[in-house]
Amino acid sequence: MTHVSMLQDELQKFVSTSTEIQGAMLASPDGFVLASVLPAGMNEERTAAISASMLSLGEQIGYELVRGNIDCIFVEGEKGYGVLVGCGAEAILLVLASHAVKQGLLFLEIKRAIAKIISLLG
């Protein structure tokens, strides 16, 4: 199994763990798609580029506000949540979830997924 297909399989497993998790994407820090399980109609390339830009900007904001390293960026909208988290230096994980998700469980599942993804990237 290739590196990319293992990442794709891991994302598919992660998204299928909960009906409240609507999608996920792994992107490079440069904004390129590494693996993706996004809802229909979302532009993968644009989403990857925006995700990388948001995490980079969030890190700059954290520095300027003297908040230290940023663990995640959490976006709440009328249709649910978007969570951006770094996966080491090699990838960014974007998770899309509905409002019905229990946030504590979501963050626990994200931490578990990150550990698996980092082991695949390493």
PDB file of N, CA and C in Angstrom:
ATOM      1  N   MET A   1       0.855  -1.181   0.000  1.00  0.00           N
ATOM      2  CA  MET A   1       0.000   0.000   0.000  1.00  0.00           C
ATOM      3  C   MET A   1       0.901   1.244   0.000  1.00  0.00           C
ATOM      4  N   THR A   2       0.601   2.193  -0.845  1.00  0.00           N
ATOM      5  CA  THR A   2       1.422   3.390  -0.936  1.00  0.00           C
ATOM      6  C   THR A   2       1.159   4.325   0.229  1.00  0.00           C
ATOM      7  N   HIS A   3       2.097   5.230   0.432  1.00  0.00           N
ATOM      8  CA  HIS A   3       2.032   6.231   1.499  1.00  0.00           C
ATOM      9  C   HIS A   3       0.741   7.042   1.408  1.00  0.00           C
ATOM     10  N   VAL A   4       0.410   7.516   0.216  1.00  0.00           N
ATOM     11  CA  VAL A   4      -0.784   8.337   0.021  1.00  0.00           C
ATOM     12  C   VAL A   4      -2.048   7.528   0.295  1.00  0.00           C
ATOM     13  N   SER A   5      -2.105   6.296  -0.158  1.00  0.00           N
ATOM     14  CA  SER A   5      -3.308   5.493   0.063  1.00  0.00           C
ATOM     15  C   SER A   5      -3.473   5.148   1.543  1.00  0.00           C
ATOM     16  N   MET A   6      -2.377   4.998   2.292  1.00  0.00           N
ATOM     17  CA  MET A   6      -2.490   4.753   3.734  1.00  0.00           C
ATOM     18  C   MET A   6      -3.048   5.982   4.439  1.00  0.00           C
ATOM     19  N   LEU A   7      -2.611   7.170   4.026  1.00  0.00           N
ATOM     20  CA  LEU A   7      -3.153   8.408   4.595  1.00  0.00           C
ATOM     21  C   LEU A   7      -4.634   8.539   4.247  1.00  0.00           C
ATOM     22  N   GLN A   8      -4.983   8.234   3.012  1.00  0.00           N
ATOM     23  CA  GLN A   8      -6.379   8.290   2.571  1.00  0.00           C
ATOM     24  C   GLN A   8      -7.238   7.319   3.380  1.00  0.00           C
ATOM     25  N   ASP A   9      -6.742   6.105   3.592  1.00  0.00           N
ATOM     26  CA  ASP A   9      -7.474   5.112   4.378  1.00  0.00           C
ATOM     27  C   ASP A   9      -7.661   5.577   5.817  1.00  0.00           C
ATOM     28  N   GLU A  10      -6.632   6.179   6.392  1.00  0.00           N
ATOM     29  CA  GLU A  10      -6.726   6.667   7.762  1.00  0.00           C
ATOM     30  C   GLU A  10      -7.767   7.778   7.877  1.00  0.00           C
ATOM     31  N   LEU A  11      -7.783   8.686   6.906  1.00  0.00           N
ATOM     32  CA  LEU A  11      -8.803   9.746   6.918  1.00  0.00           C
ATOM     33  C   LEU A  11     -10.203   9.166   6.771  1.00  0.00           C
ATOM     34  N   GLN A  12     -10.358   8.187   5.900  1.00  0.00           N
ATOM     35  CA  GLN A  12     -11.666   7.552   5.697  1.00  0.00           C
ATOM     36  C   GLN A  12     -12.149   6.908   6.996  1.00  0.00           C
ATOM     37  N   LYS A  13     -11.263   6.219   7.699  1.00  0.00           N
ATOM     38  CA  LYS A  13     -11.616   5.605   8.986  1.00  0.00           C
ATOM     39  C   LYS A  13     -12.026   6.679   9.988  1.00  0.00           C
ATOM     40  N   PHE A  14     -11.258   7.761  10.038  1.00  0.00           N
ATOM     41  CA  PHE A  14     -11.538   8.848  10.973  1.00  0.00           C
ATOM     42  C   PHE A  14     -12.923   9.440  10.716  1.00  0.00           C
ATOM     43  N   VAL A  15     -13.239   9.742   9.468  1.00  0.00           N
ATOM     44  CA  VAL A  15     -14.528  10.346   9.125  1.00  0.00           C
ATOM     45  C   VAL A  15     -15.668   9.380   9.429  1.00  0.00           C
ATOM     46  N   SER A  16     -15.437   8.096   9.260  1.00  0.00           N
ATOM     47  CA  SER A  16     -16.506   7.124   9.489  1.00  0.00           C
ATOM     48  C   SER A  16     -16.715   6.791  10.968  1.00  0.00           C
ATOM     49  N   THR A  17     -15.875   7.331  11.875  1.00  0.00           N
ATOM     50  CA  THR A  17     -16.041   7.040  13.306  1.00  0.00           C
ATOM     51  C   THR A  17     -17.280   7.694  13.896  1.00  0.00           C
ATOM     52  N   SER A  18     -17.778   8.746  13.268  1.00  0.00           N
ATOM     53  CA  SER A  18     -18.910   9.481  13.825  1.00  0.00           C
ATOM     54  C   SER A  18     -19.728  10.100  12.702  1.00  0.00           C
ATOM     55  N   THR A  19     -21.038  10.040  12.843  1.00  0.00           N
ATOM     56  CA  THR A  19     -21.895  10.666  11.839  1.00  0.00           C
ATOM     57  C   THR A  19     -21.796  12.186  11.906  1.00  0.00           C
ATOM     58  N   GLU A  20     -21.305  12.718  13.035  1.00  0.00           N
ATOM     59  CA  GLU A  20     -21.170  14.164  13.176  1.00  0.00           C
ATOM     60  C   GLU A  20     -19.908  14.713  12.498  1.00  0.00           C
ATOM     61  N   ILE A  21     -18.953  13.838  12.190  1.00  0.00           N
ATOM     62  CA  ILE A  21     -17.764  14.257  11.447  1.00  0.00           C
ATOM     63  C   ILE A  21     -18.120  14.186   9.971  1.00  0.00           C
ATOM     64  N   GLN A  22     -18.114  15.338   9.326  1.00  0.00           N
ATOM     65  CA  GLN A  22     -18.603  15.440   7.952  1.00  0.00           C
ATOM     66  C   GLN A  22     -17.514  15.352   6.894  1.00  0.00           C
ATOM     67  N   GLY A  23     -16.271  15.533   7.296  1.00  0.00           N
ATOM     68  CA  GLY A  23     -15.185  15.465   6.333  1.00  0.00           C
ATOM     69  C   GLY A  23     -13.859  15.757   6.984  1.00  0.00           C
ATOM     70  N   ALA A  24     -12.786  15.453   6.251  1.00  0.00           N
ATOM     71  CA  ALA A  24     -11.436  15.722   6.739  1.00  0.00           C
ATOM     72  C   ALA A  24     -10.495  15.822   5.549  1.00  0.00           C
ATOM     73  N   MET A  25      -9.419  16.560   5.757  1.00  0.00           N
ATOM     74  CA  MET A  25      -8.409  16.721   4.718  1.00  0.00           C
ATOM     75  C   MET A  25      -7.038  16.847   5.357  1.00  0.00           C
ATOM     76  N   LEU A  26      -6.058  16.267   4.704  1.00  0.00           N
ATOM     77  CA  LEU A  26      -4.663  16.491   5.058  1.00  0.00           C
ATOM     78  C   LEU A  26      -4.048  17.323   3.955  1.00  0.00           C
ATOM     79  N   ALA A  27      -3.379  18.390   4.360  1.00  0.00           N
ATOM     80  CA  ALA A  27      -2.720  19.265   3.395  1.00  0.00           C
ATOM     81  C   ALA A  27      -1.284  19.482   3.836  1.00  0.00           C
ATOM     82  N   SER A  28      -0.444  19.814   2.889  1.00  0.00           N
ATOM     83  CA  SER A  28       0.935  20.164   3.216  1.00  0.00           C
ATOM     84  C   SER A  28       0.950  21.605   3.737  1.00  0.00           C
ATOM     85  N   PRO A  29       1.991  21.986   4.473  1.00  0.00           N
ATOM     86  CA  PRO A  29       2.095  23.382   4.924  1.00  0.00           C
ATOM     87  C   PRO A  29       2.124  24.380   3.760  1.00  0.00           C
ATOM     88  N   ASP A  30       2.459  23.902   2.560  1.00  0.00           N
ATOM     89  CA  ASP A  30       2.463  24.744   1.368  1.00  0.00           C
ATOM     90  C   ASP A  30       1.084  24.843   0.728  1.00  0.00           C
ATOM     91  N   GLY A  31       0.109  24.091   1.241  1.00  0.00           N
ATOM     92  CA  GLY A  31      -1.250  24.179   0.728  1.00  0.00           C
ATOM     93  C   GLY A  31      -1.609  23.186  -0.355  1.00  0.00           C
ATOM     94  N   PHE A  32      -0.895  22.050  -0.412  1.00  0.00           N
ATOM     95  CA  PHE A  32      -1.219  21.017  -1.394  1.00  0.00           C
ATOM     96  C   PHE A  32      -1.968  19.871  -0.721  1.00  0.00           C
ATOM     97  N   VAL A  33      -2.917  19.272  -1.425  1.00  0.00           N
ATOM     98  CA  VAL A  33      -3.709  18.170  -0.898  1.00  0.00           C
ATOM     99  C   VAL A  33      -2.842  16.917  -0.772  1.00  0.00           C
ATOM    100  N   LEU A  34      -2.860  16.303   0.417  1.00  0.00           N
ATOM    101  CA  LEU A  34      -2.179  15.030   0.628  1.00  0.00           C
ATOM    102  C   LEU A  34      -3.189  13.876   0.624  1.00  0.00           C
ATOM    103  N   ALA A  35      -4.340  14.107   1.245  1.00  0.00           N
ATOM    104  CA  ALA A  35      -5.430  13.132   1.280  1.00  0.00           C
ATOM    105  C   ALA A  35      -6.699  13.888   1.643  1.00  0.00           C
ATOM    106  N   SER A  36      -7.832  13.373   1.192  1.00  0.00           N
ATOM    107  CA  SER A  36      -9.058  14.138   1.392  1.00  0.00           C
ATOM    108  C   SER A  36     -10.292  13.257   1.411  1.00  0.00           C
ATOM    109  N   VAL A  37     -11.179  13.534   2.368  1.00  0.00           N
ATOM    110  CA  VAL A  37     -12.512  12.941   2.419  1.00  0.00           C
ATOM    111  C   VAL A  37     -13.444  14.106   2.745  1.00  0.00           C
ATOM    112  N   LEU A  38     -13.722  14.904   1.739  1.00  0.00           N
ATOM    113  CA  LEU A  38     -14.542  16.108   1.921  1.00  0.00           C
ATOM    114  C   LEU A  38     -15.941  15.902   1.358  1.00  0.00           C
ATOM    115  N   PRO A  39     -16.903  16.667   1.864  1.00  0.00           N
ATOM    116  CA  PRO A  39     -18.252  16.593   1.301  1.00  0.00           C
ATOM    117  C   PRO A  39     -18.255  16.994  -0.182  1.00  0.00           C
ATOM    118  N   ALA A  40     -19.208  16.467  -0.906  1.00  0.00           N
ATOM    119  CA  ALA A  40     -19.335  16.779  -2.335  1.00  0.00           C
ATOM    120  C   ALA A  40     -19.482  18.285  -2.525  1.00  0.00           C
ATOM    121  N   GLY A  41     -18.863  18.776  -3.568  1.00  0.00           N
ATOM    122  CA  GLY A  41     -18.985  20.190  -3.904  1.00  0.00           C
ATOM    123  C   GLY A  41     -17.881  21.067  -3.337  1.00  0.00           C
ATOM    124  N   MET A  42     -17.061  20.538  -2.442  1.00  0.00           N
ATOM    125  CA  MET A  42     -15.953  21.339  -1.905  1.00  0.00           C
ATOM    126  C   MET A  42     -14.747  21.216  -2.832  1.00  0.00           C
ATOM    127  N   ASN A  43     -14.076  22.319  -3.076  1.00  0.00           N
ATOM    128  CA  ASN A  43     -12.894  22.349  -3.922  1.00  0.00           C
ATOM    129  C   ASN A  43     -11.672  21.983  -3.076  1.00  0.00           C
ATOM    130  N   GLU A  44     -11.107  20.803  -3.327  1.00  0.00           N
ATOM    131  CA  GLU A  44      -9.983  20.315  -2.525  1.00  0.00           C
ATOM    132  C   GLU A  44      -8.781  21.249  -2.557  1.00  0.00           C
ATOM    133  N   GLU A  45      -8.405  21.694  -3.747  1.00  0.00           N
ATOM    134  CA  GLU A  45      -7.207  22.515  -3.876  1.00  0.00           C
ATOM    135  C   GLU A  45      -7.368  23.852  -3.137  1.00  0.00           C
ATOM    136  N   ARG A  46      -8.518  24.480  -3.310  1.00  0.00           N
ATOM    137  CA  ARG A  46      -8.779  25.756  -2.633  1.00  0.00           C
ATOM    138  C   ARG A  46      -8.825  25.560  -1.118  1.00  0.00           C
ATOM    139  N   THR A  47      -9.476  24.489  -0.665  1.00  0.00           N
ATOM    140  CA  THR A  47      -9.583  24.209   0.763  1.00  0.00           C
ATOM    141  C   THR A  47      -8.211  23.957   1.375  1.00  0.00           C
ATOM    142  N   ALA A  48      -7.361  23.229   0.670  1.00  0.00           N
ATOM    143  CA  ALA A  48      -6.002  22.967   1.171  1.00  0.00           C
ATOM    144  C   ALA A  48      -5.202  24.261   1.273  1.00  0.00           C
ATOM    145  N   ALA A  49      -5.288  25.100   0.261  1.00  0.00           N
ATOM    146  CA  ALA A  49      -4.550  26.368   0.269  1.00  0.00           C
ATOM    147  C   ALA A  49      -5.038  27.289   1.386  1.00  0.00           C
ATOM    148  N   ILE A  50      -6.344  27.380   1.551  1.00  0.00           N
ATOM    149  CA  ILE A  50      -6.914  28.225   2.603  1.00  0.00           C
ATOM    150  C   ILE A  50      -6.532  27.687   3.982  1.00  0.00           C
ATOM    151  N   SER A  51      -6.569  26.376   4.154  1.00  0.00           N
ATOM    152  CA  SER A  51      -6.225  25.762   5.440  1.00  0.00           C
ATOM    153  C   SER A  51      -4.784  26.077   5.830  1.00  0.00           C
ATOM    154  N   ALA A  52      -3.869  25.947   4.883  1.00  0.00           N
ATOM    155  CA  ALA A  52      -2.468  26.255   5.158  1.00  0.00           C
ATOM    156  C   ALA A  52      -2.295  27.731   5.505  1.00  0.00           C
ATOM    157  N   SER A  53      -2.982  28.594   4.783  1.00  0.00           N
ATOM    158  CA  SER A  53      -2.895  30.031   5.055  1.00  0.00           C
ATOM    159  C   SER A  53      -3.465  30.370   6.424  1.00  0.00           C
ATOM    160  N   MET A  54      -4.602  29.760   6.773  1.00  0.00           N
ATOM    161  CA  MET A  54      -5.221  30.036   8.072  1.00  0.00           C
ATOM    162  C   MET A  54      -4.324  29.598   9.221  1.00  0.00           C
ATOM    163  N   LEU A  55      -3.722  28.423   9.113  1.00  0.00           N
ATOM    164  CA  LEU A  55      -2.865  27.946  10.192  1.00  0.00           C
ATOM    165  C   LEU A  55      -1.631  28.832  10.321  1.00  0.00           C
ATOM    166  N   SER A  56      -1.066  29.237   9.202  1.00  0.00           N
ATOM    167  CA  SER A  56       0.092  30.133   9.227  1.00  0.00           C
ATOM    168  C   SER A  56      -0.268  31.472   9.865  1.00  0.00           C
ATOM    169  N   LEU A  57      -1.393  32.035   9.470  1.00  0.00           N
ATOM    170  CA  LEU A  57      -1.846  33.298  10.046  1.00  0.00           C
ATOM    171  C   LEU A  57      -2.150  33.139  11.533  1.00  0.00           C
ATOM    172  N   GLY A  58      -2.770  32.030  11.911  1.00  0.00           N
ATOM    173  CA  GLY A  58      -3.057  31.760  13.315  1.00  0.00           C
ATOM    174  C   GLY A  58      -1.796  31.705  14.151  1.00  0.00           C
ATOM    175  N   GLU A  59      -0.737  31.099  13.600  1.00  0.00           N
ATOM    176  CA  GLU A  59       0.542  31.047  14.305  1.00  0.00           C
ATOM    177  C   GLU A  59       1.112  32.449  14.494  1.00  0.00           C
ATOM    178  N   GLN A  60       0.988  33.302  13.479  1.00  0.00           N
ATOM    179  CA  GLN A  60       1.468  34.680  13.590  1.00  0.00           C
ATOM    180  C   GLN A  60       0.671  35.458  14.633  1.00  0.00           C
ATOM    181  N   ILE A  61      -0.640  35.243  14.649  1.00  0.00           N
ATOM    182  CA  ILE A  61      -1.499  35.913  15.628  1.00  0.00           C
ATOM    183  C   ILE A  61      -1.124  35.460  17.037  1.00  0.00           C
ATOM    184  N   GLY A  62      -0.924  34.154  17.214  1.00  0.00           N
ATOM    185  CA  GLY A  62      -0.519  33.628  18.518  1.00  0.00           C
ATOM    186  C   GLY A  62       0.771  34.250  19.003  1.00  0.00           C
ATOM    187  N   TYR A  63       1.712  34.435  18.096  1.00  0.00           N
ATOM    188  CA  TYR A  63       2.984  35.058  18.436  1.00  0.00           C
ATOM    189  C   TYR A  63       2.780  36.523  18.835  1.00  0.00           C
ATOM    190  N   GLU A  64       2.039  37.262  18.031  1.00  0.00           N
ATOM    191  CA  GLU A  64       1.815  38.682  18.298  1.00  0.00           C
ATOM    192  C   GLU A  64       1.026  38.921  19.584  1.00  0.00           C
ATOM    193  N   LEU A  65       0.114  38.021  19.897  1.00  0.00           N
ATOM    194  CA  LEU A  65      -0.696  38.164  21.115  1.00  0.00           C
ATOM    195  C   LEU A  65      -0.046  37.492  22.325  1.00  0.00           C
ATOM    196  N   VAL A  66       1.165  37.023  22.134  1.00  0.00           N
ATOM    197  CA  VAL A  66       1.949  36.368  23.183  1.00  0.00           C
ATOM    198  C   VAL A  66       1.150  35.199  23.794  1.00  0.00           C
ATOM    199  N   ARG A  67       0.590  34.373  22.927  1.00  0.00           N
ATOM    200  CA  ARG A  67      -0.181  33.200  23.352  1.00  0.00           C
ATOM    201  C   ARG A  67       0.621  31.918  23.195  1.00  0.00           C
ATOM    202  N   GLY A  68       1.820  32.013  22.670  1.00  0.00           N
ATOM    203  CA  GLY A  68       2.638  30.819  22.465  1.00  0.00           C
ATOM    204  C   GLY A  68       2.237  30.074  21.207  1.00  0.00           C
ATOM    205  N   ASN A  69       2.645  28.816  21.145  1.00  0.00           N
ATOM    206  CA  ASN A  69       2.328  27.987  19.981  1.00  0.00           C
ATOM    207  C   ASN A  69       0.827  27.725  19.915  1.00  0.00           C
ATOM    208  N   ILE A  70       0.284  27.779  18.725  1.00  0.00           N
ATOM    209  CA  ILE A  70      -1.137  27.545  18.506  1.00  0.00           C
ATOM    210  C   ILE A  70      -1.375  26.046  18.368  1.00  0.00           C
ATOM    211  N   ASP A  71      -2.299  25.497  19.165  1.00  0.00           N
ATOM    212  CA  ASP A  71      -2.641  24.082  19.077  1.00  0.00           C
ATOM    213  C   ASP A  71      -3.614  23.820  17.941  1.00  0.00           C
ATOM    214  N   CYS A  72      -4.601  24.715  17.800  1.00  0.00           N
ATOM    215  CA  CYS A  72      -5.594  24.525  16.746  1.00  0.00           C
ATOM    216  C   CYS A  72      -6.298  25.839  16.464  1.00  0.00           C
ATOM    217  N   ILE A  73      -6.957  25.856  15.342  1.00  0.00           N
ATOM    218  CA  ILE A  73      -7.827  26.975  14.980  1.00  0.00           C
ATOM    219  C   ILE A  73      -9.220  26.378  14.860  1.00  0.00           C
ATOM    220  N   PHE A  74     -10.162  26.983  15.563  1.00  0.00           N
ATOM    221  CA  PHE A  74     -11.531  26.489  15.644  1.00  0.00           C
ATOM    222  C   PHE A  74     -12.448  27.526  15.016  1.00  0.00           C
ATOM    223  N   VAL A  75     -13.183  27.110  13.983  1.00  0.00           N
ATOM    224  CA  VAL A  75     -14.099  28.013  13.293  1.00  0.00           C
ATOM    225  C   VAL A  75     -15.517  27.487  13.503  1.00  0.00           C
ATOM    226  N   GLU A  76     -16.398  28.348  13.992  1.00  0.00           N
ATOM    227  CA  GLU A  76     -17.793  27.963  14.176  1.00  0.00           C
ATOM    228  C   GLU A  76     -18.646  28.757  13.204  1.00  0.00           C
ATOM    229  N   GLY A  77     -19.440  28.049  12.425  1.00  0.00           N
ATOM    230  CA  GLY A  77     -20.343  28.683  11.478  1.00  0.00           C
ATOM    231  C   GLY A  77     -21.750  28.156  11.667  1.00  0.00           C
ATOM    232  N   GLU A  78     -22.666  28.669  10.899  1.00  0.00           N
ATOM    233  CA  GLU A  78     -24.069  28.258  11.054  1.00  0.00           C
ATOM    234  C   GLU A  78     -24.303  26.794  10.698  1.00  0.00           C
ATOM    235  N   LYS A  79     -23.384  26.189   9.935  1.00  0.00           N
ATOM    236  CA  LYS A  79     -23.554  24.795   9.526  1.00  0.00           C
ATOM    237  C   LYS A  79     -22.636  23.830  10.275  1.00  0.00           C
ATOM    238  N   GLY A  80     -21.879  24.338  11.247  1.00  0.00           N
ATOM    239  CA  GLY A  80     -21.022  23.444  12.017  1.00  0.00           C
ATOM    240  C   GLY A  80     -19.656  24.035  12.274  1.00  0.00           C
ATOM    241  N   TYR A  81     -18.711  23.136  12.504  1.00  0.00           N
ATOM    242  CA  TYR A  81     -17.369  23.527  12.924  1.00  0.00           C
ATOM    243  C   TYR A  81     -16.317  23.123  11.893  1.00  0.00           C
ATOM    244  N   GLY A  82     -15.247  23.887  11.887  1.00  0.00           N
ATOM    245  CA  GLY A  82     -14.034  23.535  11.165  1.00  0.00           C
ATOM    246  C   GLY A  82     -12.884  23.630  12.144  1.00  0.00           C
ATOM    247  N   VAL A  83     -12.073  22.588  12.217  1.00  0.00           N
ATOM    248  CA  VAL A  83     -10.943  22.567  13.139  1.00  0.00           C
ATOM    249  C   VAL A  83      -9.680  22.317  12.326  1.00  0.00           C
ATOM    250  N   LEU A  84      -8.698  23.190  12.488  1.00  0.00           N
ATOM    251  CA  LEU A  84      -7.398  23.047  11.831  1.00  0.00           C
ATOM    252  C   LEU A  84      -6.349  22.740  12.889  1.00  0.00           C
ATOM    253  N   VAL A  85      -5.574  21.684  12.641  1.00  0.00           N
ATOM    254  CA  VAL A  85      -4.555  21.267  13.590  1.00  0.00           C
ATOM    255  C   VAL A  85      -3.306  20.865  12.809  1.00  0.00           C
ATOM    256  N   GLY A  86      -2.153  21.255  13.302  1.00  0.00           N
ATOM    257  CA  GLY A  86      -0.910  20.817  12.693  1.00  0.00           C
ATOM    258  C   GLY A  86      -0.638  19.359  13.022  1.00  0.00           C
ATOM    259  N   CYS A  87      -0.092  18.634  12.058  1.00  0.00           N
ATOM    260  CA  CYS A  87       0.328  17.233  12.253  1.00  0.00           C
ATOM    261  C   CYS A  87       1.833  17.190  12.080  1.00  0.00           C
ATOM    262  N   GLY A  88       2.550  17.641  13.078  1.00  0.00           N
ATOM    263  CA  GLY A  88       3.992  17.765  12.948  1.00  0.00           C
ATOM    264  C   GLY A  88       4.301  18.887  11.973  1.00  0.00           C
ATOM    265  N   ALA A  89       5.466  18.819  11.376  1.00  0.00           N
ATOM    266  CA  ALA A  89       5.879  19.858  10.435  1.00  0.00           C
ATOM    267  C   ALA A  89       5.464  19.543   9.001  1.00  0.00           C
ATOM    268  N   GLU A  90       4.901  18.342   8.790  1.00  0.00           N
ATOM    269  CA  GLU A  90       4.664  17.882   7.425  1.00  0.00           C
ATOM    270  C   GLU A  90       3.238  18.002   6.926  1.00  0.00           C
ATOM    271  N   ALA A  91       2.280  18.238   7.832  1.00  0.00           N
ATOM    272  CA  ALA A  91       0.885  18.218   7.374  1.00  0.00           C
ATOM    273  C   ALA A  91      -0.015  19.040   8.288  1.00  0.00           C
ATOM    274  N   ILE A  92      -1.161  19.389   7.738  1.00  0.00           N
ATOM    275  CA  ILE A  92      -2.221  20.105   8.437  1.00  0.00           C
ATOM    276  C   ILE A  92      -3.476  19.259   8.302  1.00  0.00           C
ATOM    277  N   LEU A  93      -4.168  19.057   9.408  1.00  0.00           N
ATOM    278  CA  LEU A  93      -5.423  18.318   9.382  1.00  0.00           C
ATOM    279  C   LEU A  93      -6.575  19.293   9.522  1.00  0.00           C
ATOM    280  N   LEU A  94      -7.501  19.226   8.590  1.00  0.00           N
ATOM    281  CA  LEU A  94      -8.750  19.980   8.655  1.00  0.00           C
ATOM    282  C   LEU A  94      -9.863  18.987   8.931  1.00  0.00           C
ATOM    283  N   VAL A  95     -10.685  19.281   9.932  1.00  0.00           N
ATOM    284  CA  VAL A  95     -11.828  18.427  10.262  1.00  0.00           C
ATOM    285  C   VAL A  95     -13.086  19.275  10.202  1.00  0.00           C
ATOM    286  N   LEU A  96     -14.101  18.768   9.530  1.00  0.00           N
ATOM    287  CA  LEU A  96     -15.405  19.424   9.454  1.00  0.00           C
ATOM    288  C   LEU A  96     -16.397  18.598  10.263  1.00  0.00           C
ATOM    289  N   ALA A  97     -17.148  19.267  11.139  1.00  0.00           N
ATOM    290  CA  ALA A  97     -18.102  18.555  11.995  1.00  0.00           C
ATOM    291  C   ALA A  97     -19.394  19.354  12.130  1.00  0.00           C
ATOM    292  N   SER A  98     -20.472  18.643  12.395  1.00  0.00           N
ATOM    293  CA  SER A  98     -21.767  19.294  12.576  1.00  0.00           C
ATOM    294  C   SER A  98     -21.866  19.869  13.984  1.00  0.00           C
ATOM    295  N   HIS A  99     -22.860  20.717  14.192  1.00  0.00           N
ATOM    296  CA  HIS A  99     -23.105  21.286  15.521  1.00  0.00           C
ATOM    297  C   HIS A  99     -23.479  20.211  16.538  1.00  0.00           C
ATOM    298  N   ALA A 100     -23.952  19.068  16.074  1.00  0.00           N
ATOM    299  CA  ALA A 100     -24.385  18.000  16.976  1.00  0.00           C
ATOM    300  C   ALA A 100     -23.213  17.295  17.665  1.00  0.00           C
ATOM    301  N   VAL A 101     -22.000  17.496  17.183  1.00  0.00           N
ATOM    302  CA  VAL A 101     -20.841  16.808  17.746  1.00  0.00           C
ATOM    303  C   VAL A 101     -20.571  17.294  19.170  1.00  0.00           C
ATOM    304  N   LYS A 102     -20.169  16.382  20.004  1.00  0.00           N
ATOM    305  CA  LYS A 102     -19.716  16.732  21.352  1.00  0.00           C
ATOM    306  C   LYS A 102     -18.257  17.160  21.200  1.00  0.00           C
ATOM    307  N   GLN A 103     -17.966  18.412  21.514  1.00  0.00           N
ATOM    308  CA  GLN A 103     -16.643  18.966  21.234  1.00  0.00           C
ATOM    309  C   GLN A 103     -15.520  18.215  21.946  1.00  0.00           C
ATOM    310  N   GLY A 104     -15.746  17.790  23.170  1.00  0.00           N
ATOM    311  CA  GLY A 104     -14.717  17.033  23.887  1.00  0.00           C
ATOM    312  C   GLY A 104     -14.357  15.751  23.164  1.00  0.00           C
ATOM    313  N   LEU A 105     -15.377  15.025  22.700  1.00  0.00           N
ATOM    314  CA  LEU A 105     -15.132  13.787  21.953  1.00  0.00           C
ATOM    315  C   LEU A 105     -14.469  14.074  20.613  1.00  0.00           C
ATOM    316  N   LEU A 106     -14.873  15.164  19.978  1.00  0.00           N
ATOM    317  CA  LEU A 106     -14.259  15.533  18.700  1.00  0.00           C
ATOM    318  C   LEU A 106     -12.768  15.764  18.873  1.00  0.00           C
ATOM    319  N   PHE A 107     -12.383  16.533  19.888  1.00  0.00           N
ATOM    320  CA  PHE A 107     -10.965  16.810  20.094  1.00  0.00           C
ATOM    321  C   PHE A 107     -10.191  15.555  20.495  1.00  0.00           C
ATOM    322  N   LEU A 108     -10.823  14.653  21.225  1.00  0.00           N
ATOM    323  CA  LEU A 108     -10.190  13.382  21.565  1.00  0.00           C
ATOM    324  C   LEU A 108      -9.935  12.562  20.302  1.00  0.00           C
ATOM    325  N   GLU A 109     -10.936  12.479  19.430  1.00  0.00           N
ATOM    326  CA  GLU A 109     -10.782  11.738  18.172  1.00  0.00           C
ATOM    327  C   GLU A 109      -9.728  12.394  17.274  1.00  0.00           C
ATOM    328  N   ILE A 110      -9.679  13.724  17.274  1.00  0.00           N
ATOM    329  CA  ILE A 110      -8.662  14.425  16.481  1.00  0.00           C
ATOM    330  C   ILE A 110      -7.267  14.081  16.995  1.00  0.00           C
ATOM    331  N   LYS A 111      -7.075  14.071  18.316  1.00  0.00           N
ATOM    332  CA  LYS A 111      -5.759  13.725  18.882  1.00  0.00           C
ATOM    333  C   LYS A 111      -5.351  12.311  18.489  1.00  0.00           C
ATOM    334  N   ARG A 112      -6.289  11.394  18.530  1.00  0.00           N
ATOM    335  CA  ARG A 112      -5.994  10.008  18.136  1.00  0.00           C
ATOM    336  C   ARG A 112      -5.621   9.935  16.660  1.00  0.00           C
ATOM    337  N   ALA A 113      -6.374  10.643  15.845  1.00  0.00           N
ATOM    338  CA  ALA A 113      -6.093  10.631  14.404  1.00  0.00           C
ATOM    339  C   ALA A 113      -4.728  11.235  14.109  1.00  0.00           C
ATOM    340  N   ILE A 114      -4.394  12.322  14.795  1.00  0.00           N
ATOM    341  CA  ILE A 114      -3.095  12.973  14.581  1.00  0.00           C
ATOM    342  C   ILE A 114      -1.954  12.014  14.904  1.00  0.00           C
ATOM    343  N   ALA A 115      -2.072  11.284  16.001  1.00  0.00           N
ATOM    344  CA  ALA A 115      -1.017  10.327  16.364  1.00  0.00           C
ATOM    345  C   ALA A 115      -0.810   9.292  15.264  1.00  0.00           C
ATOM    346  N   LYS A 116      -1.911   8.778  14.702  1.00  0.00           N
ATOM    347  CA  LYS A 116      -1.813   7.792  13.630  1.00  0.00           C
ATOM    348  C   LYS A 116      -1.226   8.408  12.359  1.00  0.00           C
ATOM    349  N   ILE A 117      -1.666   9.633  12.044  1.00  0.00           N
ATOM    350  CA  ILE A 117      -1.189  10.305  10.832  1.00  0.00           C
ATOM    351  C   ILE A 117       0.301  10.602  10.941  1.00  0.00           C
ATOM    352  N   ILE A 118       0.736  11.093  12.094  1.00  0.00           N
ATOM    353  CA  ILE A 118       2.168  11.399  12.279  1.00  0.00           C
ATOM    354  C   ILE A 118       3.003  10.125  12.123  1.00  0.00           C
ATOM    355  N   SER A 119       2.512   8.996  12.635  1.00  0.00           N
ATOM    356  CA  SER A 119       3.264   7.755  12.476  1.00  0.00           C
ATOM    357  C   SER A 119       3.348   7.333  11.004  1.00  0.00           C
ATOM    358  N   LEU A 120       2.310   7.616  10.233  1.00  0.00           N
ATOM    359  CA  LEU A 120       2.341   7.309   8.804  1.00  0.00           C
ATOM    360  C   LEU A 120       3.263   8.262   8.040  1.00  0.00           C
ATOM    361  N   LEU A 121       3.314   9.502   8.474  1.00  0.00           N
ATOM    362  CA  LEU A 121       4.158  10.500   7.796  1.00  0.00           C
ATOM    363  C   LEU A 121       5.640  10.288   8.114  1.00  0.00           C
ATOM    364  N   GLY A 122       5.909   9.758   9.310  1.00  0.00           N
ATOM    365  CA  GLY A 122       7.297   9.596   9.772  1.00  0.00           C
ATOM    366  C   GLY A 122       7.960   8.464   9.121  1.00  0.00           C
TER     367      GLY A 122
END
